Amino acid sequence: MTKLKIKKGDTVQVIAGDDKGRTGRVLEVYPGKMRILVEQVNVHKKHSRPSQANPNGGIISMEMPIHYSNVMMVDSEKKSTRIGIRRDAKSNTAIRFARTNKKDL
C-alpha cells in the first residue's frame, strides 16, 4: 500500500481536470486506489431510490474521488506548493513542510 503525503483535513488546489483552480478540504483519503475525496470538487448527480433515510428518493449531488496527482497542497500564503519531508532532530519524527516558503504544514 502506498503512503500519500496528502492527509485528511489538508487544503488542496485542483491542478487538472474540469475543476481546475478550485480549492477545498480533503474529506477522505484512499491510499490503495491513490485517490482523495475533496469538498465541493468533482460533484456528480446520483439517483437514489426511496429508503427510510430518504423516503422520497430523488437526485443527490455528491463528491466523487479524484486522483491525488491532480491536486497540490496549499501553503499558508494560499499558493499551491509541493510537499517536503524532514526529520525533527530531537524527537526523530517526520515533519511535512511547504516547498514554497519552507514553513511547516
PDB file of N, CA and C in Angstrom:
ATOM      1  N   MET A   1       0.836  -1.174   0.000  1.00  0.00           N
ATOM      2  CA  MET A   1       0.000   0.000   0.000  1.00  0.00           C
ATOM      3  C   MET A   1       0.882   1.239   0.000  1.00  0.00           C
ATOM      4  N   THR A   2       0.551   2.203  -0.840  1.00  0.00           N
ATOM      5  CA  THR A   2       1.341   3.412  -0.989  1.00  0.00           C
ATOM      6  C   THR A   2       0.967   4.421   0.084  1.00  0.00           C
ATOM      7  N   LYS A   3       1.967   5.118   0.620  1.00  0.00           N
ATOM      8  CA  LYS A   3       1.721   6.153   1.604  1.00  0.00           C
ATOM      9  C   LYS A   3       1.697   7.496   0.880  1.00  0.00           C
ATOM     10  N   LEU A   4       0.606   8.232   1.035  1.00  0.00           N
ATOM     11  CA  LEU A   4       0.454   9.510   0.360  1.00  0.00           C
ATOM     12  C   LEU A   4       0.860  10.645   1.289  1.00  0.00           C
ATOM     13  N   LYS A   5       1.373  11.730   0.718  1.00  0.00           N
ATOM     14  CA  LYS A   5       1.776  12.889   1.506  1.00  0.00           C
ATOM     15  C   LYS A   5       0.588  13.781   1.856  1.00  0.00           C
ATOM     16  N   ILE A   6      -0.524  13.614   1.161  1.00  0.00           N
ATOM     17  CA  ILE A   6      -1.725  14.394   1.429  1.00  0.00           C
ATOM     18  C   ILE A   6      -2.560  13.657   2.467  1.00  0.00           C
ATOM     19  N   LYS A   7      -2.981  14.364   3.495  1.00  0.00           N
ATOM     20  CA  LYS A   7      -3.716  13.763   4.605  1.00  0.00           C
ATOM     21  C   LYS A   7      -5.129  14.342   4.684  1.00  0.00           C
ATOM     22  N   LYS A   8      -5.979  13.677   5.443  1.00  0.00           N
ATOM     23  CA  LYS A   8      -7.335  14.143   5.684  1.00  0.00           C
ATOM     24  C   LYS A   8      -7.284  15.482   6.426  1.00  0.00           C
ATOM     25  N   GLY A   9      -8.083  16.444   5.969  1.00  0.00           N
ATOM     26  CA  GLY A   9      -8.122  17.760   6.600  1.00  0.00           C
ATOM     27  C   GLY A   9      -7.229  18.799   5.932  1.00  0.00           C
ATOM     28  N   ASP A  10      -6.338  18.385   5.036  1.00  0.00           N
ATOM     29  CA  ASP A  10      -5.472  19.322   4.324  1.00  0.00           C
ATOM     30  C   ASP A  10      -6.285  20.147   3.333  1.00  0.00           C
ATOM     31  N   THR A  11      -5.802  21.344   3.029  1.00  0.00           N
ATOM     32  CA  THR A  11      -6.409  22.177   1.999  1.00  0.00           C
ATOM     33  C   THR A  11      -5.612  22.000   0.720  1.00  0.00           C
ATOM     34  N   VAL A  12      -6.304  21.652  -0.370  1.00  0.00           N
ATOM     35  CA  VAL A  12      -5.637  21.381  -1.635  1.00  0.00           C
ATOM     36  C   VAL A  12      -6.267  22.200  -2.748  1.00  0.00           C
ATOM     37  N   GLN A  13      -5.506  22.365  -3.833  1.00  0.00           N
ATOM     38  CA  GLN A  13      -5.991  23.038  -5.031  1.00  0.00           C
ATOM     39  C   GLN A  13      -5.923  22.057  -6.187  1.00  0.00           C
ATOM     40  N   VAL A  14      -6.989  22.011  -6.994  1.00  0.00           N
ATOM     41  CA  VAL A  14      -7.038  21.121  -8.143  1.00  0.00           C
ATOM     42  C   VAL A  14      -6.227  21.743  -9.274  1.00  0.00           C
ATOM     43  N   ILE A  15      -5.310  20.946  -9.859  1.00  0.00           N
ATOM     44  CA  ILE A  15      -4.433  21.468 -10.911  1.00  0.00           C
ATOM     45  C   ILE A  15      -4.735  20.863 -12.275  1.00  0.00           C
ATOM     46  N   ALA A  16      -5.668  19.906 -12.354  1.00  0.00           N
ATOM     47  CA  ALA A  16      -6.011  19.281 -13.631  1.00  0.00           C
ATOM     48  C   ALA A  16      -7.454  18.804 -13.589  1.00  0.00           C
ATOM     49  N   GLY A  17      -8.103  18.825 -14.743  1.00  0.00           N
ATOM     50  CA  GLY A  17      -9.462  18.321 -14.841  1.00  0.00           C
ATOM     51  C   GLY A  17     -10.486  19.436 -14.945  1.00  0.00           C
ATOM     52  N   ASP A  18     -11.756  19.064 -14.861  1.00  0.00           N
ATOM     53  CA  ASP A  18     -12.850  20.017 -15.020  1.00  0.00           C
ATOM     54  C   ASP A  18     -12.895  21.060 -13.905  1.00  0.00           C
ATOM     55  N   ASP A  19     -12.456  20.707 -12.715  1.00  0.00           N
ATOM     56  CA  ASP A  19     -12.500  21.617 -11.566  1.00  0.00           C
ATOM     57  C   ASP A  19     -11.167  22.316 -11.320  1.00  0.00           C
ATOM     58  N   LYS A  20     -10.365  22.471 -12.359  1.00  0.00           N
ATOM     59  CA  LYS A  20      -9.040  23.085 -12.233  1.00  0.00           C
ATOM     60  C   LYS A  20      -9.147  24.479 -11.619  1.00  0.00           C
ATOM     61  N   GLY A  21      -8.306  24.741 -10.606  1.00  0.00           N
ATOM     62  CA  GLY A  21      -8.284  26.032  -9.939  1.00  0.00           C
ATOM     63  C   GLY A  21      -9.096  26.089  -8.662  1.00  0.00           C
ATOM     64  N   ARG A  22      -9.965  25.143  -8.429  1.00  0.00           N
ATOM     65  CA  ARG A  22     -10.793  25.152  -7.221  1.00  0.00           C
ATOM     66  C   ARG A  22     -10.000  24.623  -6.037  1.00  0.00           C
ATOM     67  N   THR A  23     -10.298  25.144  -4.858  1.00  0.00           N
ATOM     68  CA  THR A  23      -9.651  24.672  -3.637  1.00  0.00           C
ATOM     69  C   THR A  23     -10.704  24.058  -2.728  1.00  0.00           C
ATOM     70  N   GLY A  24     -10.268  23.147  -1.889  1.00  0.00           N
ATOM     71  CA  GLY A  24     -11.172  22.502  -0.954  1.00  0.00           C
ATOM     72  C   GLY A  24     -10.402  21.696   0.075  1.00  0.00           C
ATOM     73  N   ARG A  25     -11.128  21.254   1.084  1.00  0.00           N
ATOM     74  CA  ARG A  25     -10.551  20.474   2.166  1.00  0.00           C
ATOM     75  C   ARG A  25     -10.679  18.996   1.830  1.00  0.00           C
ATOM     76  N   VAL A  26      -9.662  18.226   2.168  1.00  0.00           N
ATOM     77  CA  VAL A  26      -9.684  16.780   1.909  1.00  0.00           C
ATOM     78  C   VAL A  26     -10.581  16.121   2.952  1.00  0.00           C
ATOM     79  N   LEU A  27     -11.606  15.412   2.470  1.00  0.00           N
ATOM     80  CA  LEU A  27     -12.546  14.737   3.362  1.00  0.00           C
ATOM     81  C   LEU A  27     -12.128  13.307   3.657  1.00  0.00           C
ATOM     82  N   GLU A  28     -11.521  12.658   2.669  1.00  0.00           N
ATOM     83  CA  GLU A  28     -11.149  11.251   2.822  1.00  0.00           C
ATOM     84  C   GLU A  28      -9.982  10.931   1.899  1.00  0.00           C
ATOM     85  N   VAL A  29      -9.156   9.977   2.321  1.00  0.00           N
ATOM     86  CA  VAL A  29      -8.010   9.545   1.521  1.00  0.00           C
ATOM     87  C   VAL A  29      -8.130   8.037   1.309  1.00  0.00           C
ATOM     88  N   TYR A  30      -7.949   7.603   0.048  1.00  0.00           N
ATOM     89  CA  TYR A  30      -7.982   6.192  -0.306  1.00  0.00           C
ATOM     90  C   TYR A  30      -6.612   5.804  -0.845  1.00  0.00           C
ATOM     91  N   PRO A  31      -5.651   5.435   0.013  1.00  0.00           N
ATOM     92  CA  PRO A  31      -4.287   5.169  -0.464  1.00  0.00           C
ATOM     93  C   PRO A  31      -4.181   3.956  -1.368  1.00  0.00           C
ATOM     94  N   GLY A  32      -5.040   2.974  -1.219  1.00  0.00           N
ATOM     95  CA  GLY A  32      -4.976   1.796  -2.077  1.00  0.00           C
ATOM     96  C   GLY A  32      -5.299   2.116  -3.524  1.00  0.00           C
ATOM     97  N   LYS A  33      -6.228   3.034  -3.731  1.00  0.00           N
ATOM     98  CA  LYS A  33      -6.626   3.444  -5.081  1.00  0.00           C
ATOM     99  C   LYS A  33      -5.905   4.721  -5.521  1.00  0.00           C
ATOM    100  N   MET A  34      -5.114   5.329  -4.623  1.00  0.00           N
ATOM    101  CA  MET A  34      -4.381   6.575  -4.874  1.00  0.00           C
ATOM    102  C   MET A  34      -5.344   7.697  -5.250  1.00  0.00           C
ATOM    103  N   ARG A  35      -6.450   7.779  -4.536  1.00  0.00           N
ATOM    104  CA  ARG A  35      -7.464   8.799  -4.785  1.00  0.00           C
ATOM    105  C   ARG A  35      -7.807   9.517  -3.492  1.00  0.00           C
ATOM    106  N   ILE A  36      -8.327  10.741  -3.645  1.00  0.00           N
ATOM    107  CA  ILE A  36      -8.764  11.518  -2.492  1.00  0.00           C
ATOM    108  C   ILE A  36     -10.138  12.114  -2.776  1.00  0.00           C
ATOM    109  N   LEU A  37     -10.870  12.384  -1.712  1.00  0.00           N
ATOM    110  CA  LEU A  37     -12.186  12.993  -1.803  1.00  0.00           C
ATOM    111  C   LEU A  37     -12.052  14.423  -1.301  1.00  0.00           C
ATOM    112  N   VAL A  38     -12.359  15.404  -2.171  1.00  0.00           N
ATOM    113  CA  VAL A  38     -12.192  16.814  -1.839  1.00  0.00           C
ATOM    114  C   VAL A  38     -13.564  17.470  -1.763  1.00  0.00           C
ATOM    115  N   GLU A  39     -13.740  18.328  -0.771  1.00  0.00           N
ATOM    116  CA  GLU A  39     -15.009  19.006  -0.539  1.00  0.00           C
ATOM    117  C   GLU A  39     -15.374  19.918  -1.718  1.00  0.00           C
ATOM    118  N   GLN A  40     -16.590  19.762  -2.246  1.00  0.00           N
ATOM    119  CA  GLN A  40     -17.140  20.572  -3.337  1.00  0.00           C
ATOM    120  C   GLN A  40     -16.337  20.502  -4.633  1.00  0.00           C
ATOM    121  N   VAL A  41     -15.632  19.385  -4.872  1.00  0.00           N
ATOM    122  CA  VAL A  41     -14.882  19.180  -6.105  1.00  0.00           C
ATOM    123  C   VAL A  41     -15.321  17.855  -6.712  1.00  0.00           C
ATOM    124  N   ASN A  42     -15.464  17.811  -8.038  1.00  0.00           N
ATOM    125  CA  ASN A  42     -15.878  16.622  -8.771  1.00  0.00           C
ATOM    126  C   ASN A  42     -17.257  16.145  -8.290  1.00  0.00           C
ATOM    127  N   VAL A  43     -18.216  17.080  -8.287  1.00  0.00           N
ATOM    128  CA  VAL A  43     -19.569  16.790  -7.813  1.00  0.00           C
ATOM    129  C   VAL A  43     -20.368  16.166  -8.948  1.00  0.00           C
ATOM    130  N   HIS A  44     -21.005  15.025  -8.652  1.00  0.00           N
ATOM    131  CA  HIS A  44     -21.838  14.305  -9.615  1.00  0.00           C
ATOM    132  C   HIS A  44     -23.240  14.129  -9.038  1.00  0.00           C
ATOM    133  N   LYS A  45     -24.209  13.956  -9.921  1.00  0.00           N
ATOM    134  CA  LYS A  45     -25.584  13.683  -9.512  1.00  0.00           C
ATOM    135  C   LYS A  45     -25.781  12.177  -9.429  1.00  0.00           C
ATOM    136  N   LYS A  46     -26.454  11.734  -8.366  1.00  0.00           N
ATOM    137  CA  LYS A  46     -26.709  10.303  -8.184  1.00  0.00           C
ATOM    138  C   LYS A  46     -28.198  10.121  -7.900  1.00  0.00           C
ATOM    139  N   HIS A  47     -28.814   9.211  -8.644  1.00  0.00           N
ATOM    140  CA  HIS A  47     -30.230   8.916  -8.431  1.00  0.00           C
ATOM    141  C   HIS A  47     -30.352   7.906  -7.300  1.00  0.00           C
ATOM    142  N   SER A  48     -31.225   8.196  -6.340  1.00  0.00           N
ATOM    143  CA  SER A  48     -31.378   7.278  -5.211  1.00  0.00           C
ATOM    144  C   SER A  48     -32.830   6.815  -5.109  1.00  0.00           C
ATOM    145  N   ARG A  49     -32.982   5.570  -4.750  1.00  0.00           N
ATOM    146  CA  ARG A  49     -34.313   5.001  -4.547  1.00  0.00           C
ATOM    147  C   ARG A  49     -34.868   5.476  -3.207  1.00  0.00           C
ATOM    148  N   PRO A  50     -36.167   5.438  -3.038  1.00  0.00           N
ATOM    149  CA  PRO A  50     -36.729   5.757  -1.724  1.00  0.00           C
ATOM    150  C   PRO A  50     -36.264   4.761  -0.664  1.00  0.00           C
ATOM    151  N   SER A  51     -35.920   5.276   0.493  1.00  0.00           N
ATOM    152  CA  SER A  51     -35.493   4.430   1.613  1.00  0.00           C
ATOM    153  C   SER A  51     -36.007   5.065   2.897  1.00  0.00           C
ATOM    154  N   GLN A  52     -35.716   4.444   4.028  1.00  0.00           N
ATOM    155  CA  GLN A  52     -36.154   5.027   5.295  1.00  0.00           C
ATOM    156  C   GLN A  52     -35.455   6.353   5.562  1.00  0.00           C
ATOM    157  N   ALA A  53     -34.194   6.446   5.187  1.00  0.00           N
ATOM    158  CA  ALA A  53     -33.454   7.691   5.398  1.00  0.00           C
ATOM    159  C   ALA A  53     -33.930   8.788   4.450  1.00  0.00           C
ATOM    160  N   ASN A  54     -34.285   8.412   3.229  1.00  0.00           N
ATOM    161  CA  ASN A  54     -34.739   9.365   2.217  1.00  0.00           C
ATOM    162  C   ASN A  54     -36.044   8.831   1.615  1.00  0.00           C
ATOM    163  N   PRO A  55     -37.197   9.111   2.254  1.00  0.00           N
ATOM    164  CA  PRO A  55     -38.447   8.470   1.830  1.00  0.00           C
ATOM    165  C   PRO A  55     -38.891   8.819   0.414  1.00  0.00           C
ATOM    166  N   ASN A  56     -38.527   9.988  -0.102  1.00  0.00           N
ATOM    167  CA  ASN A  56     -38.957  10.378  -1.441  1.00  0.00           C
ATOM    168  C   ASN A  56     -37.988   9.935  -2.524  1.00  0.00           C
ATOM    169  N   GLY A  57     -36.773   9.576  -2.167  1.00  0.00           N
ATOM    170  CA  GLY A  57     -35.771   9.271  -3.187  1.00  0.00           C
ATOM    171  C   GLY A  57     -35.352  10.563  -3.864  1.00  0.00           C
ATOM    172  N   GLY A  58     -34.940  10.477  -5.119  1.00  0.00           N
ATOM    173  CA  GLY A  58     -34.607  11.685  -5.862  1.00  0.00           C
ATOM    174  C   GLY A  58     -33.162  11.712  -6.312  1.00  0.00           C
ATOM    175  N   ILE A  59     -32.734  12.911  -6.687  1.00  0.00           N
ATOM    176  CA  ILE A  59     -31.388  13.104  -7.201  1.00  0.00           C
ATOM    177  C   ILE A  59     -30.547  13.793  -6.132  1.00  0.00           C
ATOM    178  N   ILE A  60     -29.401  13.201  -5.820  1.00  0.00           N
ATOM    179  CA  ILE A  60     -28.499  13.714  -4.784  1.00  0.00           C
ATOM    180  C   ILE A  60     -27.189  14.129  -5.434  1.00  0.00           C
ATOM    181  N   SER A  61     -26.676  15.296  -5.063  1.00  0.00           N
ATOM    182  CA  SER A  61     -25.347  15.729  -5.519  1.00  0.00           C
ATOM    183  C   SER A  61     -24.319  15.240  -4.511  1.00  0.00           C
ATOM    184  N   MET A  62     -23.277  14.568  -5.007  1.00  0.00           N
ATOM    185  CA  MET A  62     -22.251  14.070  -4.094  1.00  0.00           C
ATOM    186  C   MET A  62     -20.874  14.173  -4.737  1.00  0.00           C
ATOM    187  N   GLU A  63     -19.855  14.355  -3.879  1.00  0.00           N
ATOM    188  CA  GLU A  63     -18.484  14.430  -4.371  1.00  0.00           C
ATOM    189  C   GLU A  63     -17.985  13.035  -4.701  1.00  0.00           C
ATOM    190  N   MET A  64     -17.183  12.950  -5.754  1.00  0.00           N
ATOM    191  CA  MET A  64     -16.569  11.696  -6.143  1.00  0.00           C
ATOM    192  C   MET A  64     -15.059  11.835  -5.995  1.00  0.00           C
ATOM    193  N   PRO A  65     -14.348  10.737  -5.737  1.00  0.00           N
ATOM    194  CA  PRO A  65     -12.895  10.818  -5.547  1.00  0.00           C
ATOM    195  C   PRO A  65     -12.172  11.191  -6.838  1.00  0.00           C
ATOM    196  N   ILE A  66     -11.037  11.881  -6.684  1.00  0.00           N
ATOM    197  CA  ILE A  66     -10.172  12.206  -7.813  1.00  0.00           C
ATOM    198  C   ILE A  66      -8.770  11.694  -7.511  1.00  0.00           C
ATOM    199  N   HIS A  67      -7.956  11.539  -8.538  1.00  0.00           N
ATOM    200  CA  HIS A  67      -6.605  11.026  -8.363  1.00  0.00           C
ATOM    201  C   HIS A  67      -5.763  12.061  -7.627  1.00  0.00           C
ATOM    202  N   TYR A  68      -4.917  11.614  -6.722  1.00  0.00           N
ATOM    203  CA  TYR A  68      -4.166  12.547  -5.892  1.00  0.00           C
ATOM    204  C   TYR A  68      -3.140  13.350  -6.679  1.00  0.00           C
ATOM    205  N   SER A  69      -2.748  12.876  -7.866  1.00  0.00           N
ATOM    206  CA  SER A  69      -1.788  13.615  -8.671  1.00  0.00           C
ATOM    207  C   SER A  69      -2.412  14.851  -9.311  1.00  0.00           C
ATOM    208  N   ASN A  70      -3.727  14.974  -9.267  1.00  0.00           N
ATOM    209  CA  ASN A  70      -4.411  16.124  -9.839  1.00  0.00           C
ATOM    210  C   ASN A  70      -4.605  17.264  -8.846  1.00  0.00           C
ATOM    211  N   VAL A  71      -4.011  17.153  -7.664  1.00  0.00           N
ATOM    212  CA  VAL A  71      -4.122  18.215  -6.664  1.00  0.00           C
ATOM    213  C   VAL A  71      -2.752  18.566  -6.107  1.00  0.00           C
ATOM    214  N   MET A  72      -2.650  19.792  -5.581  1.00  0.00           N
ATOM    215  CA  MET A  72      -1.448  20.234  -4.882  1.00  0.00           C
ATOM    216  C   MET A  72      -1.874  20.864  -3.569  1.00  0.00           C
ATOM    217  N   MET A  73      -1.024  20.749  -2.580  1.00  0.00           N
ATOM    218  CA  MET A  73      -1.284  21.361  -1.280  1.00  0.00           C
ATOM    219  C   MET A  73      -1.267  22.874  -1.408  1.00  0.00           C
ATOM    220  N   VAL A  74      -1.981  23.541  -0.498  1.00  0.00           N
ATOM    221  CA  VAL A  74      -1.988  24.996  -0.431  1.00  0.00           C
ATOM    222  C   VAL A  74      -1.245  25.392   0.838  1.00  0.00           C
ATOM    223  N   ASP A  75      -0.260  26.300   0.700  1.00  0.00           N
ATOM    224  CA  ASP A  75       0.531  26.706   1.871  1.00  0.00           C
ATOM    225  C   ASP A  75      -0.170  27.831   2.638  1.00  0.00           C
ATOM    226  N   SER A  76       0.499  28.382   3.632  1.00  0.00           N
ATOM    227  CA  SER A  76      -0.082  29.412   4.487  1.00  0.00           C
ATOM    228  C   SER A  76      -0.340  30.715   3.738  1.00  0.00           C
ATOM    229  N   GLU A  77       0.290  30.902   2.592  1.00  0.00           N
ATOM    230  CA  GLU A  77       0.103  32.115   1.795  1.00  0.00           C
ATOM    231  C   GLU A  77      -0.899  31.894   0.660  1.00  0.00           C
ATOM    232  N   LYS A  78      -1.672  30.797   0.713  1.00  0.00           N
ATOM    233  CA  LYS A  78      -2.704  30.445  -0.257  1.00  0.00           C
ATOM    234  C   LYS A  78      -2.147  30.194  -1.655  1.00  0.00           C
ATOM    235  N   LYS A  79      -0.896  29.720  -1.744  1.00  0.00           N
ATOM    236  CA  LYS A  79      -0.281  29.359  -3.014  1.00  0.00           C
ATOM    237  C   LYS A  79      -0.099  27.847  -3.051  1.00  0.00           C
ATOM    238  N   SER A  80      -0.245  27.257  -4.235  1.00  0.00           N
ATOM    239  CA  SER A  80      -0.065  25.809  -4.350  1.00  0.00           C
ATOM    240  C   SER A  80       1.421  25.479  -4.223  1.00  0.00           C
ATOM    241  N   THR A  81       1.709  24.375  -3.580  1.00  0.00           N
ATOM    242  CA  THR A  81       3.086  24.010  -3.281  1.00  0.00           C
ATOM    243  C   THR A  81       3.258  22.504  -3.285  1.00  0.00           C
ATOM    244  N   ARG A  82       4.487  22.083  -3.500  1.00  0.00           N
ATOM    245  CA  ARG A  82       4.825  20.681  -3.313  1.00  0.00           C
ATOM    246  C   ARG A  82       5.120  20.474  -1.826  1.00  0.00           C
ATOM    247  N   ILE A  83       5.152  19.218  -1.420  1.00  0.00           N
ATOM    248  CA  ILE A  83       5.359  18.887  -0.015  1.00  0.00           C
ATOM    249  C   ILE A  83       6.726  18.261   0.159  1.00  0.00           C
ATOM    250  N   GLY A  84       7.464  18.733   1.162  1.00  0.00           N
ATOM    251  CA  GLY A  84       8.728  18.126   1.519  1.00  0.00           C
ATOM    252  C   GLY A  84       8.606  17.485   2.883  1.00  0.00           C
ATOM    253  N   ILE A  85       9.504  16.567   3.189  1.00  0.00           N
ATOM    254  CA  ILE A  85       9.502  15.906   4.496  1.00  0.00           C
ATOM    255  C   ILE A  85      10.892  16.011   5.086  1.00  0.00           C
ATOM    256  N   ARG A  86      10.959  16.450   6.336  1.00  0.00           N
ATOM    257  CA  ARG A  86      12.237  16.500   7.036  1.00  0.00           C
ATOM    258  C   ARG A  86      12.063  15.868   8.412  1.00  0.00           C
ATOM    259  N   ARG A  87      13.149  15.428   8.981  1.00  0.00           N
ATOM    260  CA  ARG A  87      13.134  14.779  10.291  1.00  0.00           C
ATOM    261  C   ARG A  87      13.447  15.792  11.382  1.00  0.00           C
ATOM    262  N   ASP A  88      12.677  15.735  12.449  1.00  0.00           N
ATOM    263  CA  ASP A  88      12.955  16.566  13.614  1.00  0.00           C
ATOM    264  C   ASP A  88      14.117  15.941  14.366  1.00  0.00           C
ATOM    265  N   ALA A  89      15.134  16.737  14.687  1.00  0.00           N
ATOM    266  CA  ALA A  89      16.355  16.216  15.306  1.00  0.00           C
ATOM    267  C   ALA A  89      16.098  15.679  16.715  1.00  0.00           C
ATOM    268  N   LYS A  90      15.230  16.344  17.474  1.00  0.00           N
ATOM    269  CA  LYS A  90      15.008  15.946  18.866  1.00  0.00           C
ATOM    270  C   LYS A  90      14.152  14.686  18.991  1.00  0.00           C
ATOM    271  N   SER A  91      12.999  14.697  18.330  1.00  0.00           N
ATOM    272  CA  SER A  91      12.070  13.572  18.501  1.00  0.00           C
ATOM    273  C   SER A  91      12.144  12.550  17.376  1.00  0.00           C
ATOM    274  N   ASN A  92      12.899  12.835  16.318  1.00  0.00           N
ATOM    275  CA  ASN A  92      13.085  11.935  15.184  1.00  0.00           C
ATOM    276  C   ASN A  92      11.745  11.579  14.506  1.00  0.00           C
ATOM    277  N   THR A  93      10.854  12.581  14.408  1.00  0.00           N
ATOM    278  CA  THR A  93       9.580  12.382  13.724  1.00  0.00           C
ATOM    279  C   THR A  93       9.594  13.107  12.386  1.00  0.00           C
ATOM    280  N   ALA A  94       8.805  12.626  11.446  1.00  0.00           N
ATOM    281  CA  ALA A  94       8.720  13.244  10.124  1.00  0.00           C
ATOM    282  C   ALA A  94       7.819  14.465  10.193  1.00  0.00           C
ATOM    283  N   ILE A  95       8.289  15.576   9.614  1.00  0.00           N
ATOM    284  CA  ILE A  95       7.522  16.815   9.578  1.00  0.00           C
ATOM    285  C   ILE A  95       7.337  17.216   8.122  1.00  0.00           C
ATOM    286  N   ARG A  96       6.089  17.475   7.732  1.00  0.00           N
ATOM    287  CA  ARG A  96       5.816  17.936   6.374  1.00  0.00           C
ATOM    288  C   ARG A  96       5.980  19.448   6.315  1.00  0.00           C
ATOM    289  N   PHE A  97       6.570  19.929   5.220  1.00  0.00           N
ATOM    290  CA  PHE A  97       6.715  21.377   5.065  1.00  0.00           C
ATOM    291  C   PHE A  97       6.430  21.769   3.620  1.00  0.00           C
ATOM    292  N   ALA A  98       6.079  23.047   3.435  1.00  0.00           N
ATOM    293  CA  ALA A  98       5.789  23.566   2.098  1.00  0.00           C
ATOM    294  C   ALA A  98       7.104  23.930   1.429  1.00  0.00           C
ATOM    295  N   ARG A  99       7.257  23.515   0.170  1.00  0.00           N
ATOM    296  CA  ARG A  99       8.487  23.805  -0.560  1.00  0.00           C
ATOM    297  C   ARG A  99       8.588  25.283  -0.938  1.00  0.00           C
ATOM    298  N   THR A 100       7.456  25.988  -1.039  1.00  0.00           N
ATOM    299  CA  THR A 100       7.486  27.389  -1.468  1.00  0.00           C
ATOM    300  C   THR A 100       8.055  28.309  -0.409  1.00  0.00           C
ATOM    301  N   ASN A 101       7.614  28.167   0.852  1.00  0.00           N
ATOM    302  CA  ASN A 101       8.066  29.076   1.892  1.00  0.00           C
ATOM    303  C   ASN A 101       8.759  28.380   3.068  1.00  0.00           C
ATOM    304  N   LYS A 102       8.997  27.074   2.955  1.00  0.00           N
ATOM    305  CA  LYS A 102       9.710  26.263   3.960  1.00  0.00           C
ATOM    306  C   LYS A 102       9.031  26.242   5.325  1.00  0.00           C
ATOM    307  N   LYS A 103       7.734  26.591   5.410  1.00  0.00           N
ATOM    308  CA  LYS A 103       7.024  26.555   6.676  1.00  0.00           C
ATOM    309  C   LYS A 103       6.358  25.197   6.852  1.00  0.00           C
ATOM    310  N   ASP A 104       6.210  24.785   8.106  1.00  0.00           N
ATOM    311  CA  ASP A 104       5.567  23.502   8.411  1.00  0.00           C
ATOM    312  C   ASP A 104       4.094  23.537   8.036  1.00  0.00           C
ATOM    313  N   LEU A 105       3.582  22.392   7.641  1.00  0.00           N
ATOM    314  CA  LEU A 105       2.157  22.277   7.296  1.00  0.00           C
ATOM    315  C   LEU A 105       1.364  21.729   8.457  1.00  0.00           C
TER     316      LEU A 105
END
